[in-house]
């Protein structure tokens, strides 16, 4: 009877240890996935910032071209009068 009890206790401890190791592995995997997601978010944020900078530059260039066009149009209208 004692050996059966000893066997059950040992088996319980072994199973509990395996579960703890498995839970620890899942925890590491979870944090690993979080780290991957965080890296992707950082890359995406960097790309968005770069695209916003490019958009601002294009808007400035467009505004300068619009002003130049309006000035040229006004000058052409004056010369044709």
Protein backbone atom coordinates (compact mmCIF):
# COMPACT_ATOMS: atom_id res chain seq x y z
CA UNK A 1 0.00 0.00 0.00
CA UNK A 2 2.83 2.40 0.84
CA UNK A 3 4.52 1.79 -2.51
CA UNK A 4 1.25 2.58 -4.34
CA UNK A 5 0.91 5.80 -2.37
CA UNK A 6 4.54 6.63 -3.07
CA UNK A 7 4.00 5.90 -6.77
CA UNK A 8 0.91 8.12 -6.92
CA UNK A 9 2.68 10.98 -5.11
CA UNK A 10 5.74 10.69 -7.36
CA UNK A 11 3.55 10.57 -10.47
CA UNK A 12 1.60 13.62 -9.26
CA UNK A 13 4.81 15.57 -8.68
CA UNK A 14 6.13 14.56 -12.10
CA UNK A 15 2.90 15.61 -13.82
CA UNK A 16 2.83 18.88 -11.91
CA UNK A 17 6.42 19.56 -12.94
CA UNK A 18 5.59 18.81 -16.59
CA UNK A 19 2.60 21.13 -16.44
CA UNK A 20 4.74 23.88 -14.90
CA UNK A 21 7.38 23.44 -17.60
CA UNK A 22 4.67 23.47 -20.28
CA UNK A 23 3.08 26.61 -18.81
CA UNK A 24 6.51 28.27 -18.64
CA UNK A 25 7.11 27.37 -22.30
CA UNK A 26 3.74 28.79 -23.30
CA UNK A 27 4.51 31.94 -21.30
CA UNK A 28 7.82 32.33 -23.12
CA UNK A 29 6.09 31.70 -26.43
CA UNK A 30 3.45 34.30 -25.56
CA UNK A 31 6.11 36.88 -24.72
CA UNK A 32 8.01 35.93 -27.85
CA UNK A 33 4.89 36.57 -29.91
CA UNK A 34 4.40 39.88 -28.10
CA UNK A 35 7.98 40.80 -28.92
CA UNK A 36 7.44 39.93 -32.60
CA UNK A 37 4.24 41.97 -32.63
CA UNK A 38 6.00 44.89 -30.95
CA UNK A 39 8.78 44.79 -33.55
CA UNK A 40 6.19 44.78 -36.35
CA UNK A 41 4.41 47.72 -34.75
CA UNK A 42 7.68 49.66 -34.49
CA UNK A 43 8.48 48.97 -38.15
CA UNK A 44 4.98 50.00 -39.19
CA UNK A 45 5.16 53.18 -37.10
CA UNK A 46 8.50 54.06 -38.71
CA UNK A 47 7.07 53.46 -42.18
CA UNK A 48 3.99 55.58 -41.41
CA UNK A 49 6.21 58.43 -40.20
CA UNK A 50 8.29 58.22 -43.39
CA UNK A 51 5.15 58.24 -45.54
CA UNK A 52 3.77 61.23 -43.63
CA UNK A 53 7.05 63.08 -44.25
CA UNK A 54 6.89 62.24 -47.95
CA UNK A 55 3.27 63.42 -48.10
CA UNK A 56 4.18 66.70 -46.44
CA UNK A 57 6.98 67.20 -48.98
CA UNK A 58 4.64 66.48 -51.91
CA UNK A 59 2.10 68.94 -50.49
CA UNK A 60 4.77 71.65 -50.25
CA UNK A 61 5.89 70.98 -53.83
CA UNK A 62 2.28 71.03 -55.03
CA UNK A 63 1.65 74.35 -53.30
CA UNK A 64 4.77 75.88 -54.87
CA UNK A 65 3.74 74.62 -58.33
CA UNK A 66 0.20 75.94 -57.83
CA UNK A 67 1.53 79.39 -56.91
CA UNK A 68 3.91 79.34 -59.88
CA UNK A 69 1.05 78.34 -62.18
CA UNK A 70 -1.21 81.12 -60.90
CA UNK A 71 1.57 83.69 -61.35
CA UNK A 72 2.26 82.46 -64.89
CA UNK A 73 -1.44 82.50 -65.71
CA UNK A 74 -1.81 86.07 -64.40
CA UNK A 75 1.24 87.18 -66.39
CA UNK A 76 -0.15 85.59 -69.56
CA UNK A 77 -3.51 87.28 -69.06
CA UNK A 78 -1.80 90.68 -68.70
CA UNK A 79 0.29 90.24 -71.83
CA UNK A 80 -2.71 89.20 -73.89
CA UNK A 81 -4.67 92.36 -72.95
